[in-house]
Protein backbone atom coordinates (compact mmCIF):
# COMPACT_ATOMS: atom_id res chain seq x y z
CA UNK A 1 15.74 8.67 3.28
CA UNK A 2 12.45 9.05 5.81
CA UNK A 3 10.30 10.07 2.89
CA UNK A 4 11.26 7.42 1.09
CA UNK A 5 10.17 4.99 3.49
CA UNK A 6 7.17 7.25 4.05
CA UNK A 7 6.25 6.94 0.44
CA UNK A 8 7.11 3.15 0.35
CA UNK A 9 4.65 2.77 3.46
CA UNK A 10 1.72 4.28 1.72
CA UNK A 11 2.20 2.56 -1.15
CA UNK A 12 2.27 -1.00 0.14
CA UNK A 13 -0.76 0.39 2.53
CA UNK A 14 -2.58 1.29 -0.97
CA UNK A 15 -2.00 -2.20 -2.27
CA UNK A 16 -2.91 -3.80 0.57
CA UNK A 17 -6.04 -1.74 0.32
CA UNK A 18 -6.67 -2.40 -3.51
CA UNK A 19 -6.21 -6.04 -2.73
CA UNK A 20 -8.80 -6.16 0.14
CA UNK A 21 -11.25 -4.22 -2.03
CA UNK A 22 -11.07 -6.96 -4.86
CA UNK A 23 -13.04 -10.27 -3.50
CA UNK A 24 -11.50 -12.42 -5.28
CA UNK A 25 -8.44 -11.63 -3.96
């Protein structure tokens, strides 16, 4: 369960990072 939450947080961070990288976000 802890790993699942950690994985979700990582995916969320990656998603936010990708959106932040896009200038037209």
